[in-house]
PDB file of all heavy atoms in Angstrom:
ATOM      1  N   LEU A   1       1.915 -13.196  -4.450  1.00  0.00           N
ATOM      2  CA  LEU A   1       2.816 -12.853  -5.554  1.00  0.00           C
ATOM      3  C   LEU A   1       3.994 -13.813  -5.606  1.00  0.00           C
ATOM      4  O   LEU A   1       4.468 -14.163  -6.692  1.00  0.00           O
ATOM      5  CB  LEU A   1       3.312 -11.413  -5.408  1.00  0.00           C
ATOM      6  CG  LEU A   1       2.254 -10.314  -5.478  1.00  0.00           C
ATOM      7  CD1 LEU A   1       2.907  -8.938  -5.371  1.00  0.00           C
ATOM      8  CD2 LEU A   1       1.418 -10.413  -6.752  1.00  0.00           C
ATOM      9  N   ALA A   2       4.465 -14.241  -4.444  1.00  0.00           N
ATOM     10  CA  ALA A   2       5.565 -15.213  -4.414  1.00  0.00           C
ATOM     11  C   ALA A   2       5.140 -16.511  -5.096  1.00  0.00           C
ATOM     12  O   ALA A   2       5.920 -17.118  -5.849  1.00  0.00           O
ATOM     13  CB  ALA A   2       5.991 -15.477  -2.979  1.00  0.00           C
ATOM     14  N   GLU A   3       3.898 -16.925  -4.859  1.00  0.00           N
ATOM     15  CA  GLU A   3       3.400 -18.157  -5.473  1.00  0.00           C
ATOM     16  C   GLU A   3       3.280 -18.036  -6.987  1.00  0.00           C
ATOM     17  O   GLU A   3       3.322 -19.041  -7.694  1.00  0.00           O
ATOM     18  CB  GLU A   3       2.029 -18.503  -4.881  1.00  0.00           C
ATOM     19  CG  GLU A   3       2.064 -18.855  -3.399  1.00  0.00           C
ATOM     20  CD  GLU A   3       0.674 -18.920  -2.792  1.00  0.00           C
ATOM     21  OE1 GLU A   3      -0.316 -18.743  -3.553  1.00  0.00           O
ATOM     22  OE2 GLU A   3       0.571 -19.141  -1.574  1.00  0.00           O
ATOM     23  N   ARG A   4       3.149 -16.792  -7.472  1.00  0.00           N
ATOM     24  CA  ARG A   4       2.918 -16.568  -8.902  1.00  0.00           C
ATOM     25  C   ARG A   4       4.089 -15.846  -9.575  1.00  0.00           C
ATOM     26  O   ARG A   4       3.933 -15.274 -10.642  1.00  0.00           O
ATOM     27  CB  ARG A   4       1.626 -15.756  -9.088  1.00  0.00           C
ATOM     28  CG  ARG A   4       0.377 -16.499  -8.651  1.00  0.00           C
ATOM     29  CD  ARG A   4      -0.771 -15.548  -8.387  1.00  0.00           C
ATOM     30  NE  ARG A   4      -2.012 -16.222  -8.064  1.00  0.00           N
ATOM     31  CZ  ARG A   4      -2.287 -16.770  -6.888  1.00  0.00           C
ATOM     32  NH1 ARG A   4      -1.399 -16.721  -5.910  1.00  0.00           N
ATOM     33  NH2 ARG A   4      -3.447 -17.371  -6.683  1.00  0.00           N
ATOM     34  N   ARG A   5       5.237 -15.877  -8.982  1.00  0.00           N
ATOM     35  CA  ARG A   5       6.358 -15.067  -9.431  1.00  0.00           C
ATOM     36  C   ARG A   5       6.733 -15.320 -10.884  1.00  0.00           C
ATOM     37  O   ARG A   5       7.190 -14.410 -11.580  1.00  0.00           O
ATOM     38  CB  ARG A   5       7.585 -15.269  -8.541  1.00  0.00           C
ATOM     39  CG  ARG A   5       8.091 -16.680  -8.426  1.00  0.00           C
ATOM     40  CD  ARG A   5       9.383 -16.733  -7.628  1.00  0.00           C
ATOM     41  NE  ARG A   5      10.477 -16.111  -8.364  1.00  0.00           N
ATOM     42  CZ  ARG A   5      11.596 -15.679  -7.808  1.00  0.00           C
ATOM     43  NH1 ARG A   5      11.776 -15.766  -6.505  1.00  0.00           N
ATOM     44  NH2 ARG A   5      12.548 -15.161  -8.547  1.00  0.00           N
ATOM     45  N   ASP A   6       6.528 -16.537 -11.396  1.00  0.00           N
ATOM     46  CA  ASP A   6       6.901 -16.857 -12.776  1.00  0.00           C
ATOM     47  C   ASP A   6       5.734 -16.765 -13.752  1.00  0.00           C
ATOM     48  O   ASP A   6       5.905 -16.994 -14.955  1.00  0.00           O
ATOM     49  CB  ASP A   6       7.513 -18.261 -12.838  1.00  0.00           C
ATOM     50  CG  ASP A   6       8.802 -18.363 -12.040  1.00  0.00           C
ATOM     51  OD1 ASP A   6       9.600 -17.402 -12.079  1.00  0.00           O
ATOM     52  OD2 ASP A   6       9.005 -19.379 -11.355  1.00  0.00           O
ATOM     53  N   LEU A   7       4.567 -16.403 -13.235  1.00  0.00           N
ATOM     54  CA  LEU A   7       3.376 -16.287 -14.078  1.00  0.00           C
ATOM     55  C   LEU A   7       3.378 -14.945 -14.792  1.00  0.00           C
ATOM     56  O   LEU A   7       3.809 -13.928 -14.235  1.00  0.00           O
ATOM     57  CB  LEU A   7       2.131 -16.404 -13.197  1.00  0.00           C
ATOM     58  CG  LEU A   7       0.770 -16.520 -13.887  1.00  0.00           C
ATOM     59  CD1 LEU A   7       0.655 -17.870 -14.579  1.00  0.00           C
ATOM     60  CD2 LEU A   7      -0.350 -16.354 -12.848  1.00  0.00           C
ATOM     61  N   GLU A   8       2.902 -14.932 -16.051  1.00  0.00           N
ATOM     62  CA  GLU A   8       2.747 -13.650 -16.732  1.00  0.00           C
ATOM     63  C   GLU A   8       1.749 -12.789 -15.959  1.00  0.00           C
ATOM     64  O   GLU A   8       0.681 -13.268 -15.546  1.00  0.00           O
ATOM     65  CB  GLU A   8       2.254 -13.854 -18.167  1.00  0.00           C
ATOM     66  CG  GLU A   8       3.326 -14.354 -19.114  1.00  0.00           C
ATOM     67  CD  GLU A   8       2.881 -14.288 -20.557  1.00  0.00           C
ATOM     68  OE1 GLU A   8       1.707 -13.947 -20.826  1.00  0.00           O
ATOM     69  OE2 GLU A   8       3.726 -14.588 -21.436  1.00  0.00           O
ATOM     70  N   ALA A   9       2.102 -11.529 -15.769  1.00  0.00           N
ATOM     71  CA  ALA A   9       1.280 -10.654 -14.934  1.00  0.00           C
ATOM     72  C   ALA A   9      -0.127 -10.472 -15.496  1.00  0.00           C
ATOM     73  O   ALA A   9      -1.071 -10.241 -14.744  1.00  0.00           O
ATOM     74  CB  ALA A   9       1.966  -9.303 -14.777  1.00  0.00           C
ATOM     75  N   GLY A  10      -0.267 -10.588 -16.807  1.00  0.00           N
ATOM     76  CA  GLY A  10      -1.583 -10.457 -17.416  1.00  0.00           C
ATOM     77  C   GLY A  10      -2.541 -11.568 -17.041  1.00  0.00           C
ATOM     78  O   GLY A  10      -3.749 -11.444 -17.235  1.00  0.00           O
ATOM     79  N   ASN A  11      -2.008 -12.663 -16.487  1.00  0.00           N
ATOM     80  CA  ASN A  11      -2.856 -13.783 -16.072  1.00  0.00           C
ATOM     81  C   ASN A  11      -3.299 -13.677 -14.614  1.00  0.00           C
ATOM     82  O   ASN A  11      -4.032 -14.540 -14.131  1.00  0.00           O
ATOM     83  CB  ASN A  11      -2.118 -15.108 -16.280  1.00  0.00           C
ATOM     84  CG  ASN A  11      -1.941 -15.437 -17.753  1.00  0.00           C
ATOM     85  OD1 ASN A  11      -2.799 -15.115 -18.572  1.00  0.00           O
ATOM     86  ND2 ASN A  11      -0.836 -16.061 -18.106  1.00  0.00           N
ATOM     87  N   LEU A  12      -2.850 -12.635 -13.924  1.00  0.00           N
ATOM     88  CA  LEU A  12      -3.302 -12.412 -12.557  1.00  0.00           C
ATOM     89  C   LEU A  12      -4.717 -11.848 -12.554  1.00  0.00           C
ATOM     90  O   LEU A  12      -5.161 -11.240 -13.533  1.00  0.00           O
ATOM     91  CB  LEU A  12      -2.384 -11.417 -11.849  1.00  0.00           C
ATOM     92  CG  LEU A  12      -0.915 -11.791 -11.672  1.00  0.00           C
ATOM     93  CD1 LEU A  12      -0.173 -10.622 -11.032  1.00  0.00           C
ATOM     94  CD2 LEU A  12      -0.753 -13.047 -10.842  1.00  0.00           C
ATOM     95  N   SER A  13      -5.414 -12.029 -11.458  1.00  0.00           N
ATOM     96  CA  SER A  13      -6.708 -11.352 -11.304  1.00  0.00           C
ATOM     97  C   SER A  13      -6.476  -9.854 -11.175  1.00  0.00           C
ATOM     98  O   SER A  13      -5.357  -9.393 -10.924  1.00  0.00           O
ATOM     99  CB  SER A  13      -7.428 -11.879 -10.057  1.00  0.00           C
ATOM    100  OG  SER A  13      -6.757 -11.428  -8.882  1.00  0.00           O
ATOM    101  N   GLY A  14      -7.557  -9.087 -11.310  1.00  0.00           N
ATOM    102  CA  GLY A  14      -7.421  -7.639 -11.168  1.00  0.00           C
ATOM    103  C   GLY A  14      -6.878  -7.240  -9.814  1.00  0.00           C
ATOM    104  O   GLY A  14      -6.040  -6.338  -9.699  1.00  0.00           O
ATOM    105  N   GLY A  15      -7.336  -7.919  -8.775  1.00  0.00           N
ATOM    106  CA  GLY A  15      -6.845  -7.605  -7.437  1.00  0.00           C
ATOM    107  C   GLY A  15      -5.382  -7.937  -7.268  1.00  0.00           C
ATOM    108  O   GLY A  15      -4.622  -7.176  -6.647  1.00  0.00           O
ATOM    109  N   GLU A  16      -4.968  -9.078  -7.812  1.00  0.00           N
ATOM    110  CA  GLU A  16      -3.554  -9.448  -7.725  1.00  0.00           C
ATOM    111  C   GLU A  16      -2.686  -8.475  -8.518  1.00  0.00           C
ATOM    112  O   GLU A  16      -1.570  -8.146  -8.104  1.00  0.00           O
ATOM    113  CB  GLU A  16      -3.365 -10.875  -8.239  1.00  0.00           C
ATOM    114  CG  GLU A  16      -3.949 -11.933  -7.325  1.00  0.00           C
ATOM    115  CD  GLU A  16      -4.029 -13.302  -7.971  1.00  0.00           C
ATOM    116  OE1 GLU A  16      -4.007 -13.383  -9.226  1.00  0.00           O
ATOM    117  OE2 GLU A  16      -4.124 -14.294  -7.231  1.00  0.00           O
ATOM    118  N   GLN A  17      -3.197  -7.999  -9.648  1.00  0.00           N
ATOM    119  CA  GLN A  17      -2.457  -6.994 -10.412  1.00  0.00           C
ATOM    120  C   GLN A  17      -2.308  -5.706  -9.604  1.00  0.00           C
ATOM    121  O   GLN A  17      -1.259  -5.050  -9.652  1.00  0.00           O
ATOM    122  CB  GLN A  17      -3.170  -6.714 -11.739  1.00  0.00           C
ATOM    123  CG  GLN A  17      -3.088  -7.854 -12.734  1.00  0.00           C
ATOM    124  CD  GLN A  17      -3.796  -7.542 -14.033  1.00  0.00           C
ATOM    125  OE1 GLN A  17      -4.160  -6.403 -14.298  1.00  0.00           O
ATOM    126  NE2 GLN A  17      -3.995  -8.554 -14.857  1.00  0.00           N
ATOM    127  N   GLN A  18      -3.350  -5.344  -8.848  1.00  0.00           N
ATOM    128  CA  GLN A  18      -3.253  -4.140  -8.023  1.00  0.00           C
ATOM    129  C   GLN A  18      -2.210  -4.325  -6.921  1.00  0.00           C
ATOM    130  O   GLN A  18      -1.419  -3.418  -6.641  1.00  0.00           O
ATOM    131  CB  GLN A  18      -4.604  -3.812  -7.397  1.00  0.00           C
ATOM    132  CG  GLN A  18      -4.623  -2.499  -6.625  1.00  0.00           C
ATOM    133  CD  GLN A  18      -4.355  -1.304  -7.514  1.00  0.00           C
ATOM    134  OE1 GLN A  18      -5.178  -0.934  -8.350  1.00  0.00           O
ATOM    135  NE2 GLN A  18      -3.196  -0.689  -7.371  1.00  0.00           N
ATOM    136  N   LEU A  19      -2.174  -5.485  -6.298  1.00  0.00           N
ATOM    137  CA  LEU A  19      -1.155  -5.762  -5.289  1.00  0.00           C
ATOM    138  C   LEU A  19       0.240  -5.712  -5.904  1.00  0.00           C
ATOM    139  O   LEU A  19       1.181  -5.206  -5.281  1.00  0.00           O
ATOM    140  CB  LEU A  19      -1.406  -7.127  -4.641  1.00  0.00           C
ATOM    141  CG  LEU A  19      -2.688  -7.270  -3.824  1.00  0.00           C
ATOM    142  CD1 LEU A  19      -2.774  -8.675  -3.241  1.00  0.00           C
ATOM    143  CD2 LEU A  19      -2.777  -6.223  -2.722  1.00  0.00           C
ATOM    144  N   LEU A  20       0.379  -6.217  -7.129  1.00  0.00           N
ATOM    145  CA  LEU A  20       1.665  -6.169  -7.814  1.00  0.00           C
ATOM    146  C   LEU A  20       2.084  -4.726  -8.078  1.00  0.00           C
ATOM    147  O   LEU A  20       3.253  -4.365  -7.875  1.00  0.00           O
ATOM    148  CB  LEU A  20       1.572  -6.947  -9.134  1.00  0.00           C
ATOM    149  CG  LEU A  20       2.807  -6.916 -10.041  1.00  0.00           C
ATOM    150  CD1 LEU A  20       4.050  -7.446  -9.334  1.00  0.00           C
ATOM    151  CD2 LEU A  20       2.534  -7.716 -11.328  1.00  0.00           C
ATOM    152  N   ALA A  21       1.135  -3.896  -8.499  1.00  0.00           N
ATOM    153  CA  ALA A  21       1.457  -2.487  -8.758  1.00  0.00           C
ATOM    154  C   ALA A  21       1.884  -1.776  -7.477  1.00  0.00           C
ATOM    155  O   ALA A  21       2.824  -0.968  -7.484  1.00  0.00           O
ATOM    156  CB  ALA A  21       0.247  -1.782  -9.387  1.00  0.00           C
ATOM    157  N   ILE A  22       1.210  -2.075  -6.374  1.00  0.00           N
ATOM    158  CA  ILE A  22       1.588  -1.458  -5.096  1.00  0.00           C
ATOM    159  C   ILE A  22       2.944  -1.969  -4.640  1.00  0.00           C
ATOM    160  O   ILE A  22       3.798  -1.192  -4.184  1.00  0.00           O
ATOM    161  CB  ILE A  22       0.505  -1.726  -4.031  1.00  0.00           C
ATOM    162  CG1 ILE A  22      -0.791  -0.998  -4.408  1.00  0.00           C
ATOM    163  CG2 ILE A  22       0.984  -1.279  -2.656  1.00  0.00           C
ATOM    164  CD1 ILE A  22      -1.984  -1.358  -3.529  1.00  0.00           C
ATOM    165  N   ALA A  23       3.171  -3.274  -4.789  1.00  0.00           N
ATOM    166  CA  ALA A  23       4.467  -3.849  -4.404  1.00  0.00           C
ATOM    167  C   ALA A  23       5.595  -3.216  -5.197  1.00  0.00           C
ATOM    168  O   ALA A  23       6.656  -2.884  -4.644  1.00  0.00           O
ATOM    169  CB  ALA A  23       4.445  -5.365  -4.615  1.00  0.00           C
ATOM    170  N   ARG A  24       5.386  -3.042  -6.488  1.00  0.00           N
ATOM    171  CA  ARG A  24       6.423  -2.434  -7.336  1.00  0.00           C
ATOM    172  C   ARG A  24       6.724  -1.007  -6.872  1.00  0.00           C
ATOM    173  O   ARG A  24       7.880  -0.585  -6.821  1.00  0.00           O
ATOM    174  CB  ARG A  24       5.955  -2.440  -8.795  1.00  0.00           C
ATOM    175  CG  ARG A  24       6.994  -1.960  -9.803  1.00  0.00           C
ATOM    176  CD  ARG A  24       6.462  -2.101 -11.221  1.00  0.00           C
ATOM    177  NE  ARG A  24       5.239  -1.327 -11.412  1.00  0.00           N
ATOM    178  CZ  ARG A  24       4.466  -1.408 -12.492  1.00  0.00           C
ATOM    179  NH1 ARG A  24       4.783  -2.256 -13.471  1.00  0.00           N
ATOM    180  NH2 ARG A  24       3.387  -0.669 -12.609  1.00  0.00           N
ATOM    181  N   ALA A  25       5.682  -0.275  -6.509  1.00  0.00           N
ATOM    182  CA  ALA A  25       5.887   1.098  -6.029  1.00  0.00           C
ATOM    183  C   ALA A  25       6.630   1.107  -4.700  1.00  0.00           C
ATOM    184  O   ALA A  25       7.516   1.943  -4.475  1.00  0.00           O
ATOM    185  CB  ALA A  25       4.539   1.803  -5.895  1.00  0.00           C
ATOM    186  N   LEU A  26       6.295   0.190  -3.811  1.00  0.00           N
ATOM    187  CA  LEU A  26       6.947   0.157  -2.502  1.00  0.00           C
ATOM    188  C   LEU A  26       8.438  -0.152  -2.618  1.00  0.00           C
ATOM    189  O   LEU A  26       9.235   0.303  -1.791  1.00  0.00           O
ATOM    190  CB  LEU A  26       6.265  -0.876  -1.605  1.00  0.00           C
ATOM    191  CG  LEU A  26       4.841  -0.542  -1.152  1.00  0.00           C
ATOM    192  CD1 LEU A  26       4.250  -1.702  -0.375  1.00  0.00           C
ATOM    193  CD2 LEU A  26       4.813   0.737  -0.333  1.00  0.00           C
ATOM    194  N   LEU A  27       8.812  -0.911  -3.631  1.00  0.00           N
ATOM    195  CA  LEU A  27      10.229  -1.228  -3.821  1.00  0.00           C
ATOM    196  C   LEU A  27      11.057   0.018  -4.114  1.00  0.00           C
ATOM    197  O   LEU A  27      12.264   0.028  -3.878  1.00  0.00           O
ATOM    198  CB  LEU A  27      10.397  -2.249  -4.950  1.00  0.00           C
ATOM    199  CG  LEU A  27      10.050  -3.694  -4.585  1.00  0.00           C
ATOM    200  CD1 LEU A  27       9.967  -4.551  -5.842  1.00  0.00           C
ATOM    201  CD2 LEU A  27      11.071  -4.279  -3.615  1.00  0.00           C
ATOM    202  N   ALA A  28      10.402   1.058  -4.611  1.00  0.00           N
ATOM    203  CA  ALA A  28      11.109   2.321  -4.870  1.00  0.00           C
ATOM    204  C   ALA A  28      11.301   3.148  -3.606  1.00  0.00           C
ATOM    205  O   ALA A  28      11.863   4.244  -3.668  1.00  0.00           O
ATOM    206  CB  ALA A  28      10.349   3.136  -5.920  1.00  0.00           C
ATOM    207  N   LYS A  29      10.838   2.623  -2.466  1.00  0.00           N
ATOM    208  CA  LYS A  29      10.991   3.279  -1.156  1.00  0.00           C
ATOM    209  C   LYS A  29      10.477   4.727  -1.200  1.00  0.00           C
ATOM    210  O   LYS A  29      11.229   5.682  -0.986  1.00  0.00           O
ATOM    211  CB  LYS A  29      12.445   3.232  -0.683  1.00  0.00           C
ATOM    212  CG  LYS A  29      12.969   1.811  -0.503  1.00  0.00           C
ATOM    213  CD  LYS A  29      14.333   1.785   0.119  1.00  0.00           C
ATOM    214  CE  LYS A  29      14.885   0.374   0.230  1.00  0.00           C
ATOM    215  NZ  LYS A  29      13.982  -0.577   0.940  1.00  0.00           N
ATOM    216  N   PRO A  30       9.187   4.888  -1.471  1.00  0.00           N
ATOM    217  CA  PRO A  30       8.647   6.247  -1.621  1.00  0.00           C
ATOM    218  C   PRO A  30       8.644   7.027  -0.325  1.00  0.00           C
ATOM    219  O   PRO A  30       8.368   6.482   0.750  1.00  0.00           O
ATOM    220  CB  PRO A  30       7.213   5.993  -2.097  1.00  0.00           C
ATOM    221  CG  PRO A  30       6.881   4.632  -1.573  1.00  0.00           C
ATOM    222  CD  PRO A  30       8.162   3.852  -1.646  1.00  0.00           C
ATOM    223  N   ARG A  31       8.949   8.302  -0.445  1.00  0.00           N
ATOM    224  CA  ARG A  31       8.725   9.210   0.682  1.00  0.00           C
ATOM    225  C   ARG A  31       7.256   9.587   0.734  1.00  0.00           C
ATOM    226  O   ARG A  31       6.690   9.773   1.811  1.00  0.00           O
ATOM    227  CB  ARG A  31       9.600  10.452   0.527  1.00  0.00           C
ATOM    228  CG  ARG A  31       9.438  11.409   1.690  1.00  0.00           C
ATOM    229  CD  ARG A  31      10.614  12.308   1.883  1.00  0.00           C
ATOM    230  NE  ARG A  31      10.486  13.073   3.110  1.00  0.00           N
ATOM    231  CZ  ARG A  31      11.375  13.952   3.539  1.00  0.00           C
ATOM    232  NH1 ARG A  31      12.478  14.170   2.829  1.00  0.00           N
ATOM    233  NH2 ARG A  31      11.198  14.606   4.663  1.00  0.00           N
TER     234      ARG A  31
END
């Protein structure tokens, strides 16, 4: 994700999009 930080998210592979979704959730510090 760091390598692709400026890329539009729609251009990521499906797996990379899933990692992005998980990363975004983790930033919210879930209980």
